[in-house]
Amino acid sequence: MSDTTQLEAWVEALAGELGIDTAEVDVEALLDIARDAAHSLVRPAAPITTFLVGYAVAQGSSLEDVSDSVRELARRWVEEMPG
């Protein structure tokens, strides 16, 4: 099973287990957010960031707005906190 197929199967299974409609899960956006966090800070920032993004979306923020905020913060973080 390829990584992509395995990821898709995992998302389907996990979403089903959690009662989430997979049509509402933007996997690519979440992977982009995780990548930005991992590359701008440290790798462990990725899961924490995606959790906080999900929490913000669950409270009513749009994924697009939250993604933009994360991307901007990560950009500033790199500029202001080198190393």
PDB file of N, CA and C in Angstrom:
ATOM      1  N   MET A   1       0.858  -1.174   0.000  1.00  0.00           N
ATOM      2  CA  MET A   1       0.000   0.000   0.000  1.00  0.00           C
ATOM      3  C   MET A   1       0.902   1.233   0.000  1.00  0.00           C
ATOM      4  N   SER A   2       0.650   2.171  -0.903  1.00  0.00           N
ATOM      5  CA  SER A   2       1.474   3.381  -0.962  1.00  0.00           C
ATOM      6  C   SER A   2       1.183   4.279   0.242  1.00  0.00           C
ATOM      7  N   ASP A   3       2.102   5.201   0.498  1.00  0.00           N
ATOM      8  CA  ASP A   3       1.911   6.132   1.617  1.00  0.00           C
ATOM      9  C   ASP A   3       0.631   6.937   1.437  1.00  0.00           C
ATOM     10  N   THR A   4       0.374   7.378   0.205  1.00  0.00           N
ATOM     11  CA  THR A   4      -0.824   8.175  -0.065  1.00  0.00           C
ATOM     12  C   THR A   4      -2.080   7.360   0.196  1.00  0.00           C
ATOM     13  N   THR A   5      -2.106   6.137  -0.299  1.00  0.00           N
ATOM     14  CA  THR A   5      -3.263   5.269  -0.089  1.00  0.00           C
ATOM     15  C   THR A   5      -3.449   4.964   1.387  1.00  0.00           C
ATOM     16  N   GLN A   6      -2.346   4.725   2.081  1.00  0.00           N
ATOM     17  CA  GLN A   6      -2.422   4.439   3.511  1.00  0.00           C
ATOM     18  C   GLN A   6      -2.934   5.664   4.270  1.00  0.00           C
ATOM     19  N   LEU A   7      -2.470   6.848   3.902  1.00  0.00           N
ATOM     20  CA  LEU A   7      -2.941   8.070   4.547  1.00  0.00           C
ATOM     21  C   LEU A   7      -4.433   8.265   4.303  1.00  0.00           C
ATOM     22  N   GLU A   8      -4.866   8.074   3.067  1.00  0.00           N
ATOM     23  CA  GLU A   8      -6.292   8.219   2.755  1.00  0.00           C
ATOM     24  C   GLU A   8      -7.127   7.230   3.551  1.00  0.00           C
ATOM     25  N   ALA A   9      -6.654   5.983   3.636  1.00  0.00           N
ATOM     26  CA  ALA A   9      -7.380   4.959   4.401  1.00  0.00           C
ATOM     27  C   ALA A   9      -7.432   5.337   5.883  1.00  0.00           C
ATOM     28  N   TRP A  10      -6.326   5.849   6.412  1.00  0.00           N
ATOM     29  CA  TRP A  10      -6.278   6.258   7.820  1.00  0.00           C
ATOM     30  C   TRP A  10      -7.262   7.388   8.078  1.00  0.00           C
ATOM     31  N   VAL A  11      -7.264   8.397   7.211  1.00  0.00           N
ATOM     32  CA  VAL A  11      -8.170   9.534   7.383  1.00  0.00           C
ATOM     33  C   VAL A  11      -9.621   9.059   7.364  1.00  0.00           C
ATOM     34  N   GLU A  12      -9.950   8.185   6.432  1.00  0.00           N
ATOM     35  CA  GLU A  12     -11.314   7.633   6.359  1.00  0.00           C
ATOM     36  C   GLU A  12     -11.672   6.890   7.639  1.00  0.00           C
ATOM     37  N   ALA A  13     -10.769   6.027   8.097  1.00  0.00           N
ATOM     38  CA  ALA A  13     -11.035   5.233   9.297  1.00  0.00           C
ATOM     39  C   ALA A  13     -11.140   6.110  10.540  1.00  0.00           C
ATOM     40  N   LEU A  14     -10.203   7.035  10.692  1.00  0.00           N
ATOM     41  CA  LEU A  14     -10.206   7.895  11.868  1.00  0.00           C
ATOM     42  C   LEU A  14     -11.415   8.826  11.874  1.00  0.00           C
ATOM     43  N   ALA A  15     -11.715   9.417  10.736  1.00  0.00           N
ATOM     44  CA  ALA A  15     -12.882  10.298  10.657  1.00  0.00           C
ATOM     45  C   ALA A  15     -14.147   9.521  10.991  1.00  0.00           C
ATOM     46  N   GLY A  16     -14.259   8.308  10.465  1.00  0.00           N
ATOM     47  CA  GLY A  16     -15.421   7.479  10.779  1.00  0.00           C
ATOM     48  C   GLY A  16     -15.510   7.175  12.264  1.00  0.00           C
ATOM     49  N   GLU A  17     -14.382   6.850  12.862  1.00  0.00           N
ATOM     50  CA  GLU A  17     -14.333   6.546  14.296  1.00  0.00           C
ATOM     51  C   GLU A  17     -14.751   7.747  15.131  1.00  0.00           C
ATOM     52  N   LEU A  18     -14.372   8.948  14.673  1.00  0.00           N
ATOM     53  CA  LEU A  18     -14.670  10.177  15.417  1.00  0.00           C
ATOM     54  C   LEU A  18     -15.987  10.825  15.013  1.00  0.00           C
ATOM     55  N   GLY A  19     -16.688  10.220  14.055  1.00  0.00           N
ATOM     56  CA  GLY A  19     -17.964  10.767  13.612  1.00  0.00           C
ATOM     57  C   GLY A  19     -17.820  12.050  12.807  1.00  0.00           C
ATOM     58  N   ILE A  20     -16.741  12.158  12.049  1.00  0.00           N
ATOM     59  CA  ILE A  20     -16.469  13.346  11.246  1.00  0.00           C
ATOM     60  C   ILE A  20     -16.686  13.019   9.778  1.00  0.00           C
ATOM     61  N   ASP A  21     -17.370  13.905   9.076  1.00  0.00           N
ATOM     62  CA  ASP A  21     -17.576  13.762   7.641  1.00  0.00           C
ATOM     63  C   ASP A  21     -16.268  14.099   6.930  1.00  0.00           C
ATOM     64  N   THR A  22     -15.716  13.150   6.187  1.00  0.00           N
ATOM     65  CA  THR A  22     -14.431  13.383   5.533  1.00  0.00           C
ATOM     66  C   THR A  22     -14.495  14.482   4.478  1.00  0.00           C
ATOM     67  N   ALA A  23     -15.686  14.822   4.029  1.00  0.00           N
ATOM     68  CA  ALA A  23     -15.823  15.921   3.072  1.00  0.00           C
ATOM     69  C   ALA A  23     -15.396  17.242   3.710  1.00  0.00           C
ATOM     70  N   GLU A  24     -15.389  17.285   5.035  1.00  0.00           N
ATOM     71  CA  GLU A  24     -15.014  18.502   5.750  1.00  0.00           C
ATOM     72  C   GLU A  24     -13.551  18.498   6.193  1.00  0.00           C
ATOM     73  N   VAL A  25     -12.797  17.484   5.774  1.00  0.00           N
ATOM     74  CA  VAL A  25     -11.394  17.370   6.175  1.00  0.00           C
ATOM     75  C   VAL A  25     -10.516  17.723   4.978  1.00  0.00           C
ATOM     76  N   ASP A  26      -9.808  18.833   5.079  1.00  0.00           N
ATOM     77  CA  ASP A  26      -8.901  19.258   4.013  1.00  0.00           C
ATOM     78  C   ASP A  26      -7.495  18.763   4.369  1.00  0.00           C
ATOM     79  N   VAL A  27      -7.213  17.552   3.945  1.00  0.00           N
ATOM     80  CA  VAL A  27      -5.958  16.901   4.298  1.00  0.00           C
ATOM     81  C   VAL A  27      -4.765  17.705   3.788  1.00  0.00           C
ATOM     82  N   GLU A  28      -4.836  18.179   2.564  1.00  0.00           N
ATOM     83  CA  GLU A  28      -3.718  18.937   1.991  1.00  0.00           C
ATOM     84  C   GLU A  28      -3.422  20.198   2.809  1.00  0.00           C
ATOM     85  N   ALA A  29      -4.463  20.913   3.220  1.00  0.00           N
ATOM     86  CA  ALA A  29      -4.266  22.122   4.025  1.00  0.00           C
ATOM     87  C   ALA A  29      -3.624  21.779   5.366  1.00  0.00           C
ATOM     88  N   LEU A  30      -4.079  20.704   5.983  1.00  0.00           N
ATOM     89  CA  LEU A  30      -3.500  20.299   7.271  1.00  0.00           C
ATOM     90  C   LEU A  30      -2.044  19.862   7.126  1.00  0.00           C
ATOM     91  N   LEU A  31      -1.738  19.169   6.034  1.00  0.00           N
ATOM     92  CA  LEU A  31      -0.347  18.780   5.798  1.00  0.00           C
ATOM     93  C   LEU A  31       0.531  20.001   5.550  1.00  0.00           C
ATOM     94  N   ASP A  32       0.000  20.978   4.839  1.00  0.00           N
ATOM     95  CA  ASP A  32       0.750  22.225   4.611  1.00  0.00           C
ATOM     96  C   ASP A  32       1.019  22.944   5.928  1.00  0.00           C
ATOM     97  N   ILE A  33       0.006  23.007   6.780  1.00  0.00           N
ATOM     98  CA  ILE A  33       0.162  23.653   8.091  1.00  0.00           C
ATOM     99  C   ILE A  33       1.217  22.917   8.920  1.00  0.00           C
ATOM    100  N   ALA A  34       1.127  21.601   8.931  1.00  0.00           N
ATOM    101  CA  ALA A  34       2.096  20.800   9.691  1.00  0.00           C
ATOM    102  C   ALA A  34       3.507  21.011   9.155  1.00  0.00           C
ATOM    103  N   ARG A  35       3.639  21.056   7.832  1.00  0.00           N
ATOM    104  CA  ARG A  35       4.950  21.285   7.221  1.00  0.00           C
ATOM    105  C   ARG A  35       5.515  22.646   7.621  1.00  0.00           C
ATOM    106  N   ASP A  36       4.675  23.677   7.539  1.00  0.00           N
ATOM    107  CA  ASP A  36       5.123  25.021   7.915  1.00  0.00           C
ATOM    108  C   ASP A  36       5.597  25.060   9.365  1.00  0.00           C
ATOM    109  N   ALA A  37       4.843  24.433  10.251  1.00  0.00           N
ATOM    110  CA  ALA A  37       5.219  24.423  11.664  1.00  0.00           C
ATOM    111  C   ALA A  37       6.510  23.634  11.885  1.00  0.00           C
ATOM    112  N   ALA A  38       6.611  22.478  11.272  1.00  0.00           N
ATOM    113  CA  ALA A  38       7.786  21.628  11.464  1.00  0.00           C
ATOM    114  C   ALA A  38       9.052  22.279  10.910  1.00  0.00           C
ATOM    115  N   HIS A  39       8.925  22.960   9.776  1.00  0.00           N
ATOM    116  CA  HIS A  39      10.107  23.543   9.143  1.00  0.00           C
ATOM    117  C   HIS A  39      10.461  24.911   9.722  1.00  0.00           C
ATOM    118  N   SER A  40       9.495  25.613  10.266  1.00  0.00           N
ATOM    119  CA  SER A  40       9.756  26.940  10.825  1.00  0.00           C
ATOM    120  C   SER A  40      10.207  26.868  12.272  1.00  0.00           C
ATOM    121  N   LEU A  41       9.827  25.822  12.960  1.00  0.00           N
ATOM    122  CA  LEU A  41      10.165  25.692  14.384  1.00  0.00           C
ATOM    123  C   LEU A  41      10.931  24.393  14.583  1.00  0.00           C
ATOM    124  N   VAL A  42      10.266  23.439  15.157  1.00  0.00           N
ATOM    125  CA  VAL A  42      10.834  22.107  15.362  1.00  0.00           C
ATOM    126  C   VAL A  42       9.754  21.095  14.982  1.00  0.00           C
ATOM    127  N   ARG A  43      10.172  19.894  14.639  1.00  0.00           N
ATOM    128  CA  ARG A  43       9.214  18.877  14.174  1.00  0.00           C
ATOM    129  C   ARG A  43       8.042  18.647  15.128  1.00  0.00           C
ATOM    130  N   PRO A  44       8.270  18.612  16.445  1.00  0.00           N
ATOM    131  CA  PRO A  44       7.135  18.391  17.348  1.00  0.00           C
ATOM    132  C   PRO A  44       6.084  19.501  17.302  1.00  0.00           C
ATOM    133  N   ALA A  45       6.399  20.622  16.682  1.00  0.00           N
ATOM    134  CA  ALA A  45       5.403  21.693  16.558  1.00  0.00           C
ATOM    135  C   ALA A  45       4.278  21.294  15.606  1.00  0.00           C
ATOM    136  N   ALA A  46       4.537  20.376  14.694  1.00  0.00           N
ATOM    137  CA  ALA A  46       3.536  19.999  13.693  1.00  0.00           C
ATOM    138  C   ALA A  46       2.260  19.409  14.307  1.00  0.00           C
ATOM    139  N   PRO A  47       2.344  18.369  15.144  1.00  0.00           N
ATOM    140  CA  PRO A  47       1.092  17.823  15.684  1.00  0.00           C
ATOM    141  C   PRO A  47       0.378  18.789  16.624  1.00  0.00           C
ATOM    142  N   ILE A  48       1.139  19.534  17.399  1.00  0.00           N
ATOM    143  CA  ILE A  48       0.512  20.499  18.308  1.00  0.00           C
ATOM    144  C   ILE A  48      -0.191  21.585  17.505  1.00  0.00           C
ATOM    145  N   THR A  49       0.457  22.051  16.453  1.00  0.00           N
ATOM    146  CA  THR A  49      -0.132  23.094  15.612  1.00  0.00           C
ATOM    147  C   THR A  49      -1.410  22.608  14.949  1.00  0.00           C
ATOM    148  N   THR A  50      -1.387  21.405  14.394  1.00  0.00           N
ATOM    149  CA  THR A  50      -2.589  20.909  13.734  1.00  0.00           C
ATOM    150  C   THR A  50      -3.718  20.680  14.738  1.00  0.00           C
ATOM    151  N   PHE A  51      -3.382  20.271  15.954  1.00  0.00           N
ATOM    152  CA  PHE A  51      -4.408  20.142  16.988  1.00  0.00           C
ATOM    153  C   PHE A  51      -5.043  21.504  17.274  1.00  0.00           C
ATOM    154  N   LEU A  52      -4.199  22.516  17.482  1.00  0.00           N
ATOM    155  CA  LEU A  52      -4.713  23.851  17.785  1.00  0.00           C
ATOM    156  C   LEU A  52      -5.519  24.422  16.621  1.00  0.00           C
ATOM    157  N   VAL A  53      -5.108  24.129  15.402  1.00  0.00           N
ATOM    158  CA  VAL A  53      -5.871  24.555  14.230  1.00  0.00           C
ATOM    159  C   VAL A  53      -7.247  23.894  14.255  1.00  0.00           C
ATOM    160  N   GLY A  54      -7.295  22.605  14.509  1.00  0.00           N
ATOM    161  CA  GLY A  54      -8.573  21.904  14.589  1.00  0.00           C
ATOM    162  C   GLY A  54      -9.460  22.459  15.686  1.00  0.00           C
ATOM    163  N   TYR A  55      -8.852  22.786  16.790  1.00  0.00           N
ATOM    164  CA  TYR A  55      -9.591  23.359  17.918  1.00  0.00           C
ATOM    165  C   TYR A  55     -10.189  24.709  17.521  1.00  0.00           C
ATOM    166  N   ALA A  56      -9.392  25.536  16.854  1.00  0.00           N
ATOM    167  CA  ALA A  56      -9.872  26.850  16.418  1.00  0.00           C
ATOM    168  C   ALA A  56     -11.008  26.710  15.410  1.00  0.00           C
ATOM    169  N   VAL A  57     -10.878  25.763  14.496  1.00  0.00           N
ATOM    170  CA  VAL A  57     -11.929  25.539  13.503  1.00  0.00           C
ATOM    171  C   VAL A  57     -13.195  25.022  14.184  1.00  0.00           C
ATOM    172  N   ALA A  58     -13.039  24.141  15.159  1.00  0.00           N
ATOM    173  CA  ALA A  58     -14.197  23.627  15.891  1.00  0.00           C
ATOM    174  C   ALA A  58     -14.931  24.732  16.644  1.00  0.00           C
ATOM    175  N   GLN A  59     -14.205  25.786  17.005  1.00  0.00           N
ATOM    176  CA  GLN A  59     -14.830  26.911  17.707  1.00  0.00           C
ATOM    177  C   GLN A  59     -15.416  27.939  16.741  1.00  0.00           C
ATOM    178  N   GLY A  60     -15.334  27.673  15.444  1.00  0.00           N
ATOM    179  CA  GLY A  60     -16.002  28.533  14.482  1.00  0.00           C
ATOM    180  C   GLY A  60     -15.127  29.295  13.513  1.00  0.00           C
ATOM    181  N   SER A  61     -13.807  29.252  13.681  1.00  0.00           N
ATOM    182  CA  SER A  61     -12.921  29.915  12.724  1.00  0.00           C
ATOM    183  C   SER A  61     -12.889  29.109  11.433  1.00  0.00           C
ATOM    184  N   SER A  62     -12.632  29.780  10.323  1.00  0.00           N
ATOM    185  CA  SER A  62     -12.521  29.047   9.060  1.00  0.00           C
ATOM    186  C   SER A  62     -11.112  28.483   8.931  1.00  0.00           C
ATOM    187  N   LEU A  63     -10.994  27.337   8.292  1.00  0.00           N
ATOM    188  CA  LEU A  63      -9.684  26.724   8.096  1.00  0.00           C
ATOM    189  C   LEU A  63      -8.794  27.649   7.281  1.00  0.00           C
ATOM    190  N   GLU A  64      -9.363  28.324   6.312  1.00  0.00           N
ATOM    191  CA  GLU A  64      -8.578  29.245   5.484  1.00  0.00           C
ATOM    192  C   GLU A  64      -7.980  30.375   6.332  1.00  0.00           C
ATOM    193  N   ASP A  65      -8.791  30.982   7.186  1.00  0.00           N
ATOM    194  CA  ASP A  65      -8.292  32.063   8.038  1.00  0.00           C
ATOM    195  C   ASP A  65      -7.224  31.562   9.012  1.00  0.00           C
ATOM    196  N   VAL A  66      -7.481  30.414   9.600  1.00  0.00           N
ATOM    197  CA  VAL A  66      -6.523  29.852  10.551  1.00  0.00           C
ATOM    198  C   VAL A  66      -5.222  29.488   9.831  1.00  0.00           C
ATOM    199  N   SER A  67      -5.329  28.901   8.650  1.00  0.00           N
ATOM    200  CA  SER A  67      -4.139  28.549   7.863  1.00  0.00           C
ATOM    201  C   SER A  67      -3.309  29.781   7.557  1.00  0.00           C
ATOM    202  N   ASP A  68      -3.981  30.841   7.155  1.00  0.00           N
ATOM    203  CA  ASP A  68      -3.277  32.094   6.866  1.00  0.00           C
ATOM    204  C   ASP A  68      -2.563  32.617   8.106  1.00  0.00           C
ATOM    205  N   SER A  69      -3.233  32.555   9.248  1.00  0.00           N
ATOM    206  CA  SER A  69      -2.634  33.028  10.498  1.00  0.00           C
ATOM    207  C   SER A  69      -1.406  32.199  10.876  1.00  0.00           C
ATOM    208  N   VAL A  70      -1.512  30.880  10.740  1.00  0.00           N
ATOM    209  CA  VAL A  70      -0.387  29.995  11.062  1.00  0.00           C
ATOM    210  C   VAL A  70       0.779  30.280  10.127  1.00  0.00           C
ATOM    211  N   ARG A  71       0.489  30.379   8.841  1.00  0.00           N
ATOM    212  CA  ARG A  71       1.538  30.641   7.858  1.00  0.00           C
ATOM    213  C   ARG A  71       2.257  31.959   8.166  1.00  0.00           C
ATOM    214  N   GLU A  72       1.492  32.990   8.487  1.00  0.00           N
ATOM    215  CA  GLU A  72       2.071  34.298   8.793  1.00  0.00           C
ATOM    216  C   GLU A  72       2.898  34.243  10.081  1.00  0.00           C
ATOM    217  N   LEU A  73       2.385  33.596  11.107  1.00  0.00           N
ATOM    218  CA  LEU A  73       3.132  33.476  12.355  1.00  0.00           C
ATOM    219  C   LEU A  73       4.421  32.699  12.132  1.00  0.00           C
ATOM    220  N   ALA A  74       4.352  31.609  11.372  1.00  0.00           N
ATOM    221  CA  ALA A  74       5.547  30.804  11.098  1.00  0.00           C
ATOM    222  C   ALA A  74       6.580  31.633  10.335  1.00  0.00           C
ATOM    223  N   ARG A  75       6.140  32.435   9.379  1.00  0.00           N
ATOM    224  CA  ARG A  75       7.049  33.290   8.624  1.00  0.00           C
ATOM    225  C   ARG A  75       7.727  34.293   9.555  1.00  0.00           C
ATOM    226  N   ARG A  76       6.921  34.956  10.392  1.00  0.00           N
ATOM    227  CA  ARG A  76       7.479  35.923  11.328  1.00  0.00           C
ATOM    228  C   ARG A  76       8.416  35.250  12.332  1.00  0.00           C
ATOM    229  N   TRP A  77       8.058  34.058  12.749  1.00  0.00           N
ATOM    230  CA  TRP A  77       8.856  33.330  13.730  1.00  0.00           C
ATOM    231  C   TRP A  77      10.262  33.107  13.204  1.00  0.00           C
ATOM    232  N   VAL A  78      10.357  32.700  11.943  1.00  0.00           N
ATOM    233  CA  VAL A  78      11.654  32.452  11.327  1.00  0.00           C
ATOM    234  C   VAL A  78      12.467  33.747  11.253  1.00  0.00           C
ATOM    235  N   GLU A  79      11.814  34.828  10.911  1.00  0.00           N
ATOM    236  CA  GLU A  79      12.501  36.113  10.790  1.00  0.00           C
ATOM    237  C   GLU A  79      12.938  36.668  12.152  1.00  0.00           C
ATOM    238  N   GLU A  80      12.088  36.527  13.154  1.00  0.00           N
ATOM    239  CA  GLU A  80      12.338  37.141  14.454  1.00  0.00           C
ATOM    240  C   GLU A  80      13.103  36.245  15.417  1.00  0.00           C
ATOM    241  N   MET A  81      13.034  34.937  15.213  1.00  0.00           N
ATOM    242  CA  MET A  81      13.656  33.995  16.146  1.00  0.00           C
ATOM    243  C   MET A  81      14.593  33.054  15.395  1.00  0.00           C
ATOM    244  N   PRO A  82      15.597  33.577  14.731  1.00  0.00           N
ATOM    245  CA  PRO A  82      16.485  32.691  13.969  1.00  0.00           C
ATOM    246  C   PRO A  82      17.174  31.682  14.863  1.00  0.00           C
ATOM    247  N   GLY A  83      17.382  30.497  14.281  1.00  0.00           N
ATOM    248  CA  GLY A  83      18.106  29.452  15.011  1.00  0.00           C
ATOM    249  C   GLY A  83      17.207  28.712  15.875  1.00  0.00           C
TER     250      GLY A  83
END
